Protein backbone atom coordinates (compact mmCIF):
# COMPACT_ATOMS: atom_id res chain seq x y z
CA MET A 1 -13.30 -33.60 90.45
CA ALA A 2 -17.00 -34.01 89.76
CA THR A 3 -18.39 -37.49 89.29
CA LYS A 4 -20.22 -37.95 85.99
CA ILE A 5 -23.72 -39.37 86.35
CA TYR A 6 -25.70 -40.30 83.23
CA VAL A 7 -29.51 -40.31 83.13
CA PRO A 8 -31.16 -40.83 79.71
CA CYS A 9 -33.36 -38.13 78.18
CA ASP A 10 -35.05 -40.04 75.34
CA THR A 11 -38.80 -40.72 75.14
CA THR A 12 -38.65 -44.20 76.67
CA ALA A 13 -36.66 -43.12 79.71
CA LEU A 14 -38.75 -39.98 80.16
CA SER A 15 -41.94 -42.02 80.12
CA MET A 16 -40.50 -44.09 82.97
CA GLY A 17 -39.70 -41.09 85.16
CA ALA A 18 -36.13 -40.21 84.12
CA ASP A 19 -36.58 -36.47 84.76
CA ASP A 20 -37.69 -37.12 88.32
CA VAL A 21 -34.81 -39.55 88.82
CA ALA A 22 -32.32 -36.95 87.57
CA SER A 23 -33.82 -34.26 89.78
CA ARG A 24 -33.59 -36.43 92.90
CA ILE A 25 -30.01 -37.42 92.16
CA GLU A 26 -29.06 -33.73 91.96
CA HIS A 27 -30.93 -33.06 95.19
CA HIS A 28 -29.16 -35.81 97.13
CA ALA A 29 -25.78 -34.84 95.73
CA GLY A 30 -26.39 -31.31 96.96
CA VAL A 31 -27.44 -32.49 100.42
CA GLN A 32 -24.34 -34.68 100.72
CA GLY A 33 -22.03 -32.04 99.27
CA VAL A 34 -20.95 -34.38 96.46
CA ALA A 35 -19.81 -32.70 93.25
CA ILE A 36 -21.49 -34.33 90.26
CA GLU A 37 -21.81 -33.57 86.55
CA LEU A 38 -25.21 -34.77 85.41
CA VAL A 39 -25.22 -35.77 81.73
CA ARG A 40 -28.52 -36.43 79.98
CA ASN A 41 -27.44 -39.13 77.56
CA GLY A 42 -29.60 -41.21 75.25
CA SER A 43 -30.89 -44.68 75.95
CA ARG A 44 -28.70 -47.68 75.18
CA GLY A 45 -31.82 -49.43 73.94
CA LEU A 46 -32.22 -51.87 76.86
CA PHE A 47 -35.75 -50.81 77.58
CA TRP A 48 -36.58 -53.16 80.45
CA LEU A 49 -33.78 -51.47 82.43
CA GLU A 50 -34.94 -47.88 81.87
CA PRO A 51 -34.31 -45.49 83.36
CA MET A 52 -30.78 -46.86 83.56
CA VAL A 53 -28.48 -44.64 85.59
CA GLU A 54 -24.76 -44.84 84.90
CA VAL A 55 -21.86 -43.66 87.03
CA GLU A 56 -18.43 -43.04 85.54
CA THR A 57 -15.72 -44.72 87.62
CA ALA A 58 -12.05 -45.49 87.15
CA SER A 59 -13.03 -48.95 85.90
CA GLY A 60 -15.65 -47.76 83.44
CA ARG A 61 -19.32 -46.85 83.57
CA ILE A 62 -21.36 -48.73 86.18
CA GLY A 63 -25.06 -49.21 85.62
CA TYR A 64 -28.15 -49.31 87.84
CA GLY A 65 -31.63 -50.08 86.62
CA PRO A 66 -34.46 -49.86 86.27
CA VAL A 67 -34.35 -46.90 88.64
CA GLU A 68 -37.61 -45.41 89.85
CA PRO A 69 -37.65 -42.03 91.59
CA ASP A 70 -38.27 -43.65 94.98
CA ASP A 71 -35.16 -45.81 94.51
CA VAL A 72 -32.79 -42.86 94.39
CA GLN A 73 -32.39 -42.27 98.12
CA GLY A 74 -31.58 -45.95 98.76
CA LEU A 75 -29.12 -45.96 95.88
CA VAL A 76 -27.34 -42.89 97.24
CA GLU A 77 -27.16 -44.43 100.71
CA ALA A 78 -25.72 -47.60 99.15
CA GLY A 79 -22.91 -45.64 97.47
CA LEU A 80 -24.31 -44.67 94.06
CA PHE A 81 -21.81 -41.81 93.61
CA ASP A 82 -18.90 -44.25 94.07
CA GLY A 83 -20.34 -46.90 91.77
CA ALA A 84 -20.84 -49.26 94.71
CA SER A 85 -22.36 -52.69 94.21
CA ASP A 86 -24.39 -53.05 97.40
CA HIS A 87 -27.85 -52.51 95.92
CA PRO A 88 -30.31 -54.83 94.13
CA LEU A 89 -30.40 -52.50 91.09
CA PHE A 90 -26.63 -52.72 90.58
CA LEU A 91 -25.92 -54.01 87.04
CA GLY A 92 -22.12 -53.87 87.00
CA PRO A 93 -20.08 -52.49 84.09
CA VAL A 94 -22.56 -51.46 81.41
CA ALA A 95 -20.29 -52.59 78.60
CA ASP A 96 -20.39 -56.13 80.03
CA ILE A 97 -24.18 -56.52 80.06
CA PRO A 98 -24.64 -59.56 77.77
CA TYR A 99 -27.55 -58.03 75.83
CA LEU A 100 -25.24 -55.19 74.85
CA LYS A 101 -21.94 -57.02 74.67
CA ARG A 102 -23.15 -59.57 72.09
CA GLN A 103 -24.25 -56.90 69.62
CA GLN A 104 -22.38 -55.56 66.59
CA ARG A 105 -23.17 -51.88 66.76
CA LEU A 106 -21.98 -49.92 63.75
CA THR A 107 -24.84 -47.43 63.32
CA PHE A 108 -25.77 -47.29 67.00
CA SER A 109 -22.25 -47.35 68.40
CA ARG A 110 -22.69 -43.99 70.19
CA ILE A 111 -26.24 -44.14 71.55
CA GLY A 112 -26.34 -44.10 75.32
CA ILE A 113 -22.69 -43.13 75.48
CA THR A 114 -22.78 -39.49 74.43
CA ASP A 115 -24.73 -36.34 75.18
CA PRO A 116 -26.96 -36.25 72.06
CA LEU A 117 -26.61 -32.50 71.58
CA SER A 118 -22.88 -32.16 72.21
CA ILE A 119 -20.95 -31.73 68.98
CA ALA A 120 -17.69 -32.10 70.92
CA ASP A 121 -18.91 -35.44 72.29
CA TYR A 122 -20.00 -36.53 68.81
CA ARG A 123 -16.61 -35.64 67.32
CA ALA A 124 -14.77 -37.37 70.17
CA HIS A 125 -16.51 -40.62 69.20
CA GLY A 126 -15.83 -40.52 65.46
CA GLY A 127 -18.62 -38.18 64.48
CA PHE A 128 -18.26 -36.19 61.23
CA ASP A 129 -15.31 -38.36 60.12
CA GLY A 130 -17.51 -39.62 57.29
CA LEU A 131 -18.43 -36.10 56.23
CA GLU A 132 -14.77 -35.05 56.21
CA THR A 133 -14.05 -37.99 53.91
CA ALA A 134 -16.99 -37.10 51.68
CA ILE A 135 -15.81 -33.51 51.34
CA SER A 136 -12.46 -34.80 50.10
CA ARG A 137 -14.11 -36.94 47.40
CA GLU A 138 -15.75 -36.23 44.08
CA PRO A 139 -19.52 -36.87 44.16
CA GLN A 140 -19.16 -40.06 42.11
CA GLY A 141 -16.59 -41.33 44.61
CA ILE A 142 -19.12 -40.95 47.43
CA VAL A 143 -21.77 -42.83 45.45
CA ASP A 144 -19.27 -45.59 44.63
CA GLU A 145 -18.44 -46.05 48.31
CA VAL A 146 -22.13 -46.47 49.18
CA LYS A 147 -22.52 -48.94 46.32
CA ALA A 148 -19.54 -50.94 47.60
CA SER A 149 -21.15 -51.21 51.03
CA GLY A 150 -24.13 -53.13 49.66
CA LEU A 151 -26.44 -50.97 51.78
CA ARG A 152 -30.12 -51.54 51.04
CA GLY A 153 -32.90 -49.24 52.16
CA ARG A 154 -33.69 -49.90 55.79
CA GLY A 155 -37.20 -48.48 55.55
CA GLY A 156 -38.67 -51.73 54.27
CA ALA A 157 -38.30 -51.92 50.50
CA ALA A 158 -34.60 -52.88 50.70
CA PHE A 159 -33.81 -51.15 47.41
CA PRO A 160 -30.03 -50.69 46.92
CA THR A 161 -29.21 -47.25 48.31
CA GLY A 162 -26.20 -46.70 46.05
CA ILE A 163 -28.28 -47.23 42.90
CA LYS A 164 -30.89 -44.72 44.12
CA TRP A 165 -28.14 -42.16 44.81
CA GLN A 166 -26.57 -42.89 41.41
CA THR A 167 -29.88 -42.19 39.66
CA VAL A 168 -30.20 -38.77 41.28
CA HIS A 169 -26.49 -38.09 40.74
CA ASP A 170 -26.89 -38.76 37.02
CA GLU A 171 -29.71 -36.25 36.59
CA PRO A 172 -28.48 -32.89 35.23
CA TRP A 173 -26.75 -30.86 37.96
CA GLN A 174 -27.96 -27.42 36.89
CA GLN A 175 -31.25 -27.84 38.72
CA GLN A 176 -32.58 -28.07 42.25
CA LYS A 177 -32.31 -31.53 43.82
CA TYR A 178 -33.55 -32.64 47.23
CA ILE A 179 -32.69 -35.07 50.02
CA VAL A 180 -35.75 -36.27 51.93
CA CYS A 181 -35.60 -38.38 55.06
CA ASN A 182 -38.59 -40.55 55.80
CA ALA A 183 -38.78 -40.31 59.59
CA ASP A 184 -42.51 -41.06 59.74
CA GLU A 185 -41.84 -44.24 61.67
CA GLY A 186 -45.24 -45.89 61.95
CA ASP A 187 -44.84 -49.67 61.85
CA SER A 188 -45.92 -51.53 64.97
CA GLY A 189 -43.03 -52.39 67.26
CA THR A 190 -40.53 -50.02 65.65
CA PHE A 191 -38.51 -47.32 67.37
CA ALA A 192 -35.00 -47.43 65.86
CA ASP A 193 -35.56 -44.19 63.91
CA ARG A 194 -36.68 -42.45 67.06
CA LEU A 195 -33.67 -43.71 69.00
CA ALA A 196 -31.31 -42.54 66.27
CA MET A 197 -32.85 -39.06 66.21
CA GLU A 198 -33.16 -38.65 69.97
CA CYS A 199 -29.88 -40.26 71.01
CA ASP A 200 -27.50 -39.46 68.11
CA PRO A 201 -29.08 -36.72 65.95
CA TYR A 202 -25.84 -35.53 64.35
CA MET A 203 -25.49 -38.98 62.75
CA LEU A 204 -28.63 -38.34 60.69
CA ILE A 205 -27.56 -34.77 59.89
CA GLU A 206 -24.17 -36.07 58.77
CA GLY A 207 -25.68 -38.85 56.66
CA MET A 208 -28.09 -36.52 54.86
CA THR A 209 -25.32 -33.99 54.22
CA ILE A 210 -23.16 -36.75 52.72
CA ALA A 211 -26.08 -37.68 50.44
CA GLY A 212 -26.47 -34.04 49.41
CA LEU A 213 -22.80 -33.79 48.48
CA ALA A 214 -23.04 -37.07 46.55
CA VAL A 215 -25.94 -36.11 44.29
CA GLY A 216 -25.68 -32.32 44.15
CA ALA A 217 -28.64 -31.54 46.39
CA THR A 218 -28.53 -28.38 48.47
CA GLN A 219 -31.70 -28.78 50.51
CA GLY A 220 -32.86 -31.58 52.78
CA PHE A 221 -36.07 -32.23 54.67
CA ILE A 222 -36.70 -34.58 57.59
CA TYR A 223 -40.35 -35.66 57.44
CA LEU A 224 -40.81 -36.44 61.12
CA ARG A 225 -43.58 -38.45 62.76
CA SER A 226 -45.75 -35.90 64.53
CA GLU A 227 -46.01 -38.12 67.62
CA TYR A 228 -42.28 -37.66 68.30
CA PRO A 229 -42.10 -34.32 70.18
CA VAL A 230 -38.81 -35.17 71.90
CA ALA A 231 -37.12 -36.00 68.60
CA HIS A 232 -38.57 -32.81 67.12
CA ARG A 233 -37.01 -30.67 69.83
CA ILE A 234 -33.65 -32.44 69.74
CA LEU A 235 -33.38 -32.40 65.95
CA ASN A 236 -34.14 -28.70 65.69
CA GLU A 237 -31.58 -27.86 68.34
CA ALA A 238 -28.98 -30.17 66.73
CA ILE A 239 -29.56 -28.51 63.33
CA ARG A 240 -29.14 -25.07 64.90
CA ARG A 241 -25.83 -26.09 66.50
CA ALA A 242 -24.62 -27.83 63.33
CA GLU A 243 -25.28 -24.64 61.37
CA ALA A 244 -23.37 -22.60 63.95
CA GLU A 245 -20.39 -24.95 63.65
CA GLY A 246 -20.39 -24.93 59.84
CA TYR A 247 -21.60 -28.51 59.34
CA LEU A 248 -24.67 -27.17 57.53
CA GLY A 249 -25.18 -24.04 55.48
CA GLN A 250 -23.85 -22.38 52.35
CA ASP A 251 -20.26 -23.51 52.85
CA VAL A 252 -20.18 -26.92 54.56
CA ARG A 253 -16.87 -27.06 56.47
CA GLY A 254 -15.19 -24.75 53.99
CA SER A 255 -15.93 -27.03 51.05
CA GLY A 256 -17.67 -24.35 49.04
CA ARG A 257 -20.68 -26.68 48.79
CA ALA A 258 -24.05 -25.91 50.33
CA PHE A 259 -26.52 -28.03 52.23
CA ASP A 260 -29.42 -26.84 54.39
CA LEU A 261 -31.77 -28.96 56.43
CA GLU A 262 -35.28 -28.51 57.86
CA VAL A 263 -37.62 -30.63 59.94
CA ARG A 264 -41.24 -30.88 58.80
CA LEU A 265 -43.86 -32.57 60.96
CA ALA A 266 -45.80 -35.40 59.31
CA ALA A 267 -49.55 -35.48 58.80
CA GLY A 268 -50.28 -38.31 61.23
CA ALA A 269 -51.26 -40.83 58.55
CA TYR A 270 -49.67 -44.25 58.10
CA ILE A 271 -49.85 -43.94 54.31
CA CYS A 272 -47.51 -40.94 54.43
CA GLY A 273 -44.75 -43.41 55.24
CA GLU A 274 -45.02 -44.48 51.59
CA GLU A 275 -42.52 -42.34 49.72
CA THR A 276 -44.79 -40.77 47.09
CA SER A 277 -47.52 -40.00 49.63
CA LEU A 278 -44.82 -38.50 51.80
CA LEU A 279 -43.74 -36.22 48.96
CA GLU A 280 -47.33 -35.13 48.37
CA SER A 281 -47.70 -34.34 52.06
CA LEU A 282 -44.37 -32.49 52.13
CA GLU A 283 -45.65 -30.33 49.28
CA GLY A 284 -48.65 -29.40 51.43
CA LYS A 285 -51.14 -31.70 49.74
CA ARG A 286 -53.22 -34.63 50.95
CA GLY A 287 -51.10 -37.77 51.31
CA LEU A 288 -52.14 -39.69 48.19
CA VAL A 289 -50.01 -42.30 46.48
CA ARG A 290 -48.49 -41.31 43.13
CA ALA A 291 -48.35 -43.74 40.23
CA LYS A 292 -44.81 -44.80 39.27
CA PRO A 293 -43.03 -44.12 36.94
CA PRO A 294 -41.71 -41.50 37.11
CA LEU A 295 -39.57 -42.49 40.08
CA PRO A 296 -38.98 -39.89 42.80
CA ALA A 297 -35.28 -40.11 41.96
CA ILE A 298 -36.14 -38.46 38.64
CA LYS A 299 -39.27 -36.50 39.45
CA GLY A 300 -39.73 -36.26 43.19
CA LEU A 301 -40.29 -33.35 45.56
CA PHE A 302 -41.76 -30.40 43.62
CA GLY A 303 -41.03 -32.37 40.47
CA GLN A 304 -37.27 -32.34 41.04
CA PRO A 305 -34.79 -35.26 41.39
CA THR A 306 -35.01 -36.47 44.98
CA VAL A 307 -33.32 -39.04 47.18
CA VAL A 308 -35.88 -40.46 49.59
CA ASN A 309 -34.37 -42.70 52.23
CA ASN A 310 -35.26 -43.88 55.70
CA VAL A 311 -33.48 -42.57 58.83
CA LEU A 312 -31.45 -45.76 59.22
CA SER A 313 -30.25 -45.69 55.61
CA PHE A 314 -28.87 -42.17 56.01
CA ALA A 315 -27.53 -43.09 59.46
CA ALA A 316 -25.40 -45.84 57.93
CA ALA A 317 -23.65 -43.45 55.54
CA PRO A 318 -21.23 -41.83 58.06
CA PHE A 319 -19.75 -45.23 59.00
CA ILE A 320 -19.51 -46.25 55.34
CA LEU A 321 -17.65 -43.08 54.33
CA ALA A 322 -15.43 -43.08 57.42
CA GLN A 323 -14.51 -46.78 57.42
CA GLY A 324 -15.03 -47.65 53.76
CA GLY A 325 -17.82 -49.48 51.98
CA GLN A 326 -16.02 -52.80 52.24
CA ALA A 327 -15.80 -52.52 56.05
CA TYR A 328 -19.61 -52.33 56.11
CA ALA A 329 -20.06 -55.09 53.52
CA ASP A 330 -17.86 -57.42 55.59
CA TYR A 331 -20.88 -57.90 57.84
CA GLY A 332 -23.97 -59.82 56.74
CA MET A 333 -24.82 -62.63 54.35
CA GLY A 334 -25.75 -63.02 50.71
CA LYS A 335 -27.19 -59.81 49.31
CA SER A 336 -28.05 -58.55 52.79
CA ARG A 337 -24.89 -56.69 53.78
CA GLY A 338 -24.05 -54.77 56.92
CA THR A 339 -26.02 -54.75 60.12
CA LEU A 340 -29.73 -54.62 60.89
CA PRO A 341 -31.12 -52.63 63.82
CA ILE A 342 -33.71 -55.06 65.18
CA GLN A 343 -36.43 -53.72 67.44
CA LEU A 344 -37.79 -56.33 69.81
CA ALA A 345 -41.29 -55.58 71.12
CA GLY A 346 -44.69 -57.01 71.94
CA ASN A 347 -45.06 -59.74 74.55
CA ILE A 348 -41.35 -60.07 75.34
CA ARG A 349 -39.40 -59.95 78.60
CA GLN A 350 -36.39 -57.98 77.38
CA GLY A 351 -37.51 -55.59 74.69
CA GLY A 352 -35.17 -53.12 73.07
CA LEU A 353 -32.78 -52.39 70.25
CA ILE A 354 -30.45 -55.11 68.95
CA GLU A 355 -28.01 -54.30 66.15
CA LEU A 356 -26.48 -57.38 64.57
CA ALA A 357 -25.13 -58.47 61.21
CA PHE A 358 -27.68 -60.02 58.87
CA GLY A 359 -27.73 -63.80 59.25
CA VAL A 360 -28.68 -64.12 62.91
CA SER A 361 -31.71 -66.37 63.31
CA LEU A 362 -35.04 -65.12 64.54
CA ARG A 363 -34.91 -67.74 67.32
CA GLU A 364 -31.62 -66.33 68.63
CA ILE A 365 -33.22 -62.90 68.79
CA LEU A 366 -36.28 -64.19 70.61
CA GLU A 367 -34.55 -66.48 73.08
CA ASP A 368 -30.98 -65.26 73.60
CA PHE A 369 -31.88 -61.59 73.67
CA GLY A 370 -35.60 -61.48 74.37
CA GLY A 371 -35.50 -64.05 77.16
CA GLY A 372 -38.99 -65.37 76.40
CA THR A 373 -42.38 -63.73 76.73
CA PHE A 374 -43.25 -61.10 79.30
CA SER A 375 -46.27 -63.19 80.30
CA GLY A 376 -44.12 -66.29 80.81
CA ARG A 377 -46.32 -68.25 78.41
CA PRO A 378 -45.09 -70.02 75.26
CA MET A 379 -44.69 -67.94 72.11
CA LYS A 380 -47.16 -68.63 69.35
CA ALA A 381 -46.39 -66.23 66.51
CA VAL A 382 -44.00 -63.48 65.54
CA GLN A 383 -44.60 -60.64 63.11
CA VAL A 384 -41.46 -59.13 61.60
CA GLY A 385 -41.46 -55.90 59.62
CA GLY A 386 -44.69 -54.18 60.57
CA PRO A 387 -48.46 -54.69 60.32
CA LEU A 388 -48.36 -55.58 56.62
CA MET A 389 -46.06 -58.56 57.05
CA ALA A 390 -46.77 -62.24 57.64
CA TYR A 391 -47.23 -63.89 61.01
CA MET A 392 -44.50 -66.48 61.38
CA PRO A 393 -45.09 -69.77 63.24
CA GLU A 394 -42.37 -71.47 65.31
CA SER A 395 -41.40 -73.72 62.40
CA GLN A 396 -39.93 -70.63 60.67
CA TRP A 397 -37.99 -69.13 63.57
CA ASN A 398 -34.67 -70.73 62.60
CA THR A 399 -34.69 -68.65 59.41
CA PRO A 400 -31.70 -66.29 59.22
CA MET A 401 -32.50 -62.58 59.13
CA ASP A 402 -31.92 -62.05 55.42
CA TYR A 403 -34.12 -60.29 52.86
CA GLU A 404 -34.09 -63.20 50.41
CA ALA A 405 -34.58 -65.96 53.03
CA PHE A 406 -37.58 -64.19 54.51
CA GLY A 407 -38.95 -63.45 51.05
CA GLN A 408 -38.93 -67.15 50.19
CA LEU A 409 -41.26 -67.75 53.13
CA GLY A 410 -43.65 -65.04 52.05
CA ALA A 411 -42.46 -62.95 54.98
CA GLY A 412 -40.36 -59.81 55.13
CA ILE A 413 -37.90 -57.93 57.31
CA GLY A 414 -39.23 -54.45 56.61
CA HIS A 415 -37.93 -51.91 59.08
CA GLY A 416 -36.67 -54.60 61.48
CA GLY A 417 -39.48 -54.51 64.02
CA VAL A 418 -40.16 -57.87 65.73
CA VAL A 419 -43.48 -58.20 67.58
CA VAL A 420 -44.04 -61.28 69.71
CA PHE A 421 -47.37 -62.93 70.58
CA ASP A 422 -47.89 -65.65 73.20
CA ASP A 423 -50.23 -68.63 72.95
CA THR A 424 -53.28 -66.71 74.13
CA VAL A 425 -53.46 -64.62 70.96
CA ASP A 426 -56.39 -65.20 68.61
CA MET A 427 -54.75 -65.27 65.17
CA GLY A 428 -58.15 -65.07 63.48
CA GLU A 429 -58.65 -61.72 65.18
CA GLN A 430 -55.17 -60.68 64.05
CA ALA A 431 -56.11 -61.48 60.44
CA ARG A 432 -59.20 -59.32 60.77
CA PHE A 433 -57.09 -56.55 62.30
CA ALA A 434 -54.88 -56.50 59.19
CA MET A 435 -57.90 -55.73 57.00
CA GLU A 436 -59.34 -53.28 59.51
CA PHE A 437 -56.01 -51.44 59.71
CA CYS A 438 -56.10 -50.99 55.93
CA THR A 439 -59.65 -49.62 56.01
CA VAL A 440 -58.48 -46.91 58.39
CA GLU A 441 -55.11 -46.11 56.84
CA SER A 442 -55.74 -46.52 53.09
CA CYS A 443 -55.40 -43.26 51.15
CA GLY A 444 -58.41 -44.40 49.10
CA LYS A 445 -56.93 -43.77 45.69
CA CYS A 446 -57.16 -47.32 44.30
CA THR A 447 -60.16 -49.64 44.49
CA PRO A 448 -58.45 -52.93 45.51
CA CYS A 449 -57.10 -51.29 48.64
CA ARG A 450 -60.04 -49.01 49.51
CA ILE A 451 -62.85 -51.50 48.85
CA GLY A 452 -60.93 -54.75 49.19
CA SER A 453 -60.00 -54.16 52.82
CA VAL A 454 -63.61 -53.43 53.78
CA ARG A 455 -64.79 -56.53 51.98
CA GLY A 456 -61.98 -58.57 53.54
CA MET A 457 -63.05 -57.60 57.03
CA LYS A 458 -66.66 -58.59 56.33
CA VAL A 459 -65.66 -61.91 54.76
CA ILE A 460 -63.52 -62.79 57.77
CA ASP A 461 -66.45 -61.95 60.05
CA ARG A 462 -68.62 -64.39 58.08
CA ILE A 463 -65.99 -67.12 58.24
CA ARG A 464 -65.67 -66.71 61.98
CA ALA A 465 -69.45 -66.72 62.36
CA GLY A 466 -69.65 -70.00 60.42
CA GLU A 467 -71.61 -68.53 57.47
CA ASN A 468 -70.89 -70.49 54.25
CA ARG A 469 -67.42 -71.06 55.62
CA GLU A 470 -65.88 -72.99 52.72
CA ALA A 471 -67.19 -70.60 50.06
CA ASN A 472 -66.07 -67.56 52.05
CA LEU A 473 -62.58 -69.02 52.53
CA VAL A 474 -62.29 -69.31 48.74
CA LEU A 475 -63.61 -65.77 48.39
CA LEU A 476 -61.04 -64.51 50.91
CA GLU A 477 -58.22 -66.20 48.97
CA GLU A 478 -59.35 -64.59 45.73
CA LEU A 479 -59.81 -61.21 47.37
CA CYS A 480 -56.27 -61.35 48.77
CA GLU A 481 -54.87 -62.17 45.33
CA THR A 482 -56.77 -59.24 43.80
CA MET A 483 -55.41 -56.83 46.39
CA VAL A 484 -51.83 -58.10 45.95
CA ASP A 485 -51.94 -57.85 42.16
CA GLY A 486 -54.14 -54.79 41.71
CA SER A 487 -53.21 -52.27 44.39
CA LEU A 488 -51.30 -49.15 43.49
CA CYS A 489 -48.81 -49.34 46.38
CA ALA A 490 -47.61 -51.59 49.18
CA MET A 491 -50.42 -50.56 51.52
CA GLY A 492 -53.07 -52.53 49.62
CA GLY A 493 -50.58 -54.91 48.03
CA MET A 494 -49.22 -56.18 51.33
CA THR A 495 -52.25 -56.03 53.60
CA PRO A 496 -53.19 -59.59 52.52
CA PHE A 497 -49.82 -61.01 53.65
CA PRO A 498 -50.72 -61.36 57.35
CA VAL A 499 -54.17 -62.68 56.37
CA GLN A 500 -52.69 -65.29 54.04
CA SER A 501 -50.18 -66.36 56.69
CA VAL A 502 -52.99 -66.95 59.18
CA MET A 503 -54.89 -68.99 56.55
CA THR A 504 -51.76 -71.11 55.99
CA HIS A 505 -50.28 -71.49 59.46
CA PHE A 506 -53.13 -70.86 61.91
CA PRO A 507 -56.27 -72.02 60.04
CA ASP A 508 -57.97 -73.30 63.18
CA ASP A 509 -57.88 -69.83 64.74
CA LEU A 510 -59.53 -68.32 61.67
CA THR A 511 -62.42 -70.75 61.73
CA ALA A 512 -62.78 -71.04 65.50
């Protein structure tokens, strides 16, 4: 019987030499006459251990990592194919690695375990159970289940997903409706969307199909970040296989209901992550923000009712339909229900994906999972939720991960990205970067964003140069308020948040 060896095939592992590792393992197995079945699984999200090679044994899957190509021969000689422990890269049973064992994986329960493109593997681990349940329900019943879960949009705005679906559901059914997935993942330190698409693509396909059945949409589009070629290839192949197996098409699993899905590459602009700019881009136009109302749920893609959700919001739907909305809502705190896929990045020793129920403190994430900074120096600031969110000082790190608790601090959770900075960072330069980022990425439609960010950068330069410092600090405060109150969308409206947080918590860096 062939021994199963797992080598990840996602972007992170590939960038660390996973293909070469896999090739050398096959070579040595051939030389030794050992029968192996090489499975290209997805990453488990423990990035500092990639490429992590796993060997299936009678006592479970045994891990080794991080494995470089030149390590393979030594691993084979030490008994890799038997899951032997006599090698420095031996990690023991993968399921017992504390970083993984302490998590509460609902959405990411399959990543790293299955072959991403195997429908049989997906089904064997609970895949498509949610879709089968959805097919057995009336559309309103599907919407009600999502409402009961308390799921809020995981893209950043945290709008209740069930209410958005209800709005599109309630629009007249004798018209074209659309499901659009925002997979233009562009926030700094974020990669959960990519992991979901590369390591468990059928989960997104299933979630979008469930949404289509719920609101009466027959066509879906995945607006994919153009810098994700691996996800592009995997998604297209997964869609092709799903169509062949009847999970997509004119008669989804014999239900008599249709749902088709296409991947469209994004335009390479940060602003196209904003939902109305995304819709403009998807229609073949320049990515400019639309004024609201009307909401996309009423007048969205090509002027038709449209559900626009993030990858992680759709990815949560299969669990919710399969296990029930209440099972999902049993996790979390307050109005933040379910789990949050947290992406730990920046200057951190153990970066990766951590899925936990809302309520865990930021400090637990940084210390218990992150293990301190990569540089070994003390942490100084943390930015949660992307480049438009506040920089949080240590005094705020005991705050539970909860939309309302973070909002009270003037911070936000956004897409769940956590970027760590050590004590060598110049927070004044970070404040300037926030304005500079906006000058590059603004769509230019509204004046507060287009002009305000340029002015903000110049004012910060004057403050740091010591020119009329007190007057320019007042001017910067007023400029930030104007951008927050007067911008058309979150791009200009939130750019001041990191600047204001530096003025409040790191004033010495700004004036140094």
